[in-house]
Amino acid sequence: MIAESIHQITSRLPEGVRLVAVSKYHPAEAIQEAYEAGQRLFGESHAQELRQKQPALPQDIEWHFIGHLQTNKVKYIAPYVGLIHSADSPHLLEEINRQALKVGRTIRCLLQLHVAQEETKFGFSTDEALAYLDSGVWQQLEGVQLAGIMAMASNTDDTARIRQDFRRARQFFERAQRDYFPDSGNDGQHLRLPGGEPPGTMACLSAEGGQRGMMGERLPGGELPGTMAHLSAEGGQRGMMGERLPGGEPSGTVACLSAEGGQRGLVLPSSTFNECSMGMSDDWPIAAEEGSTLVRIGTAIFGARVY
């Protein structure tokens, strides 16, 4: 039943929209069943519950925290959480930063926006979020990577109102990308490699940028952090390591030769601010139409919650 529900939902998701299976209050056995159906992103909203489930389930699960997060609970999830959807205040972001640095991690977070009619919902107003981004304080948080926004629509049957809420959140997201994360939306460029590379050769900039390792190259030593290199398909080694790209490419740029060889397209990564988490079991189709990249669905997958 769970597997069937997941397949029904994922078959309807537009390209670029991913499913977060909301597993809060559901047992590990149900999560395992979803995992075996191919689901890897799971959402929890209670730190203690997540703390109990995480070690008992496959370690390649990407855990998303989607509920209101108290500062005194951050330490419980900091070692393994993949994405926090509910960063709803500067104070919480500061605590996430502290706990992330303690465990040597950078934790991806979404700014939670308050766009709904209900005053009880948490989150930044759009004006508060813009003021926070404009302050630049977030750029000093070495343990936090702002990865986008999360928003919940008003609890209403008025689909026009729901659509308006999601559209407002998406408009904020696009404005933030444009004004504060300007690398977004770069489609890349084509550059020629020296020649003679087999089709499919791949390259990746180091974490520091500037150097690349090509598939099939031997690393001479002293490479910058993150440099990648692989044996060629023929098992040979090649020695062109360390060629410098023309410059200006962001860290993590990925390149791939064309099928004919000789040409590669630099795929410049969109800004790290690239997630728009909107939509739940009852309203996710509207959210997807309005530009969501992550939909959070629980009841439609797992059924009624077991409290």
Foldseek 3Di string as FASTA:
>chain_A
DLLVLVVVVVVPFDPLADEAAEQELHDLVLVQVNVVSPDQHYEYADLVVCLVNQVVDDVSRAYEYEHDDDLVSLLSCLLGHAEYQDPADPVSLLSSLVSNVVNVAAHEYAFEEEQEPDPPDTHHHLVRVVVVLVVCPSVPSPNYDHQAHEYEYYPDPPLVRRLVSLLVRVVSRVVCCVPRVPQAPDAFDKDFDPDDDAAWKKWFAAQVGFWIEIEQEDDPDPDHHRHDYHRDPVRHHHHPGGDTDPDDQHHGFMWGAHNVDGMITTGRDGGSRHAYEYEEDPNVVSSSVSPHSYYYYYCSNPNDRND
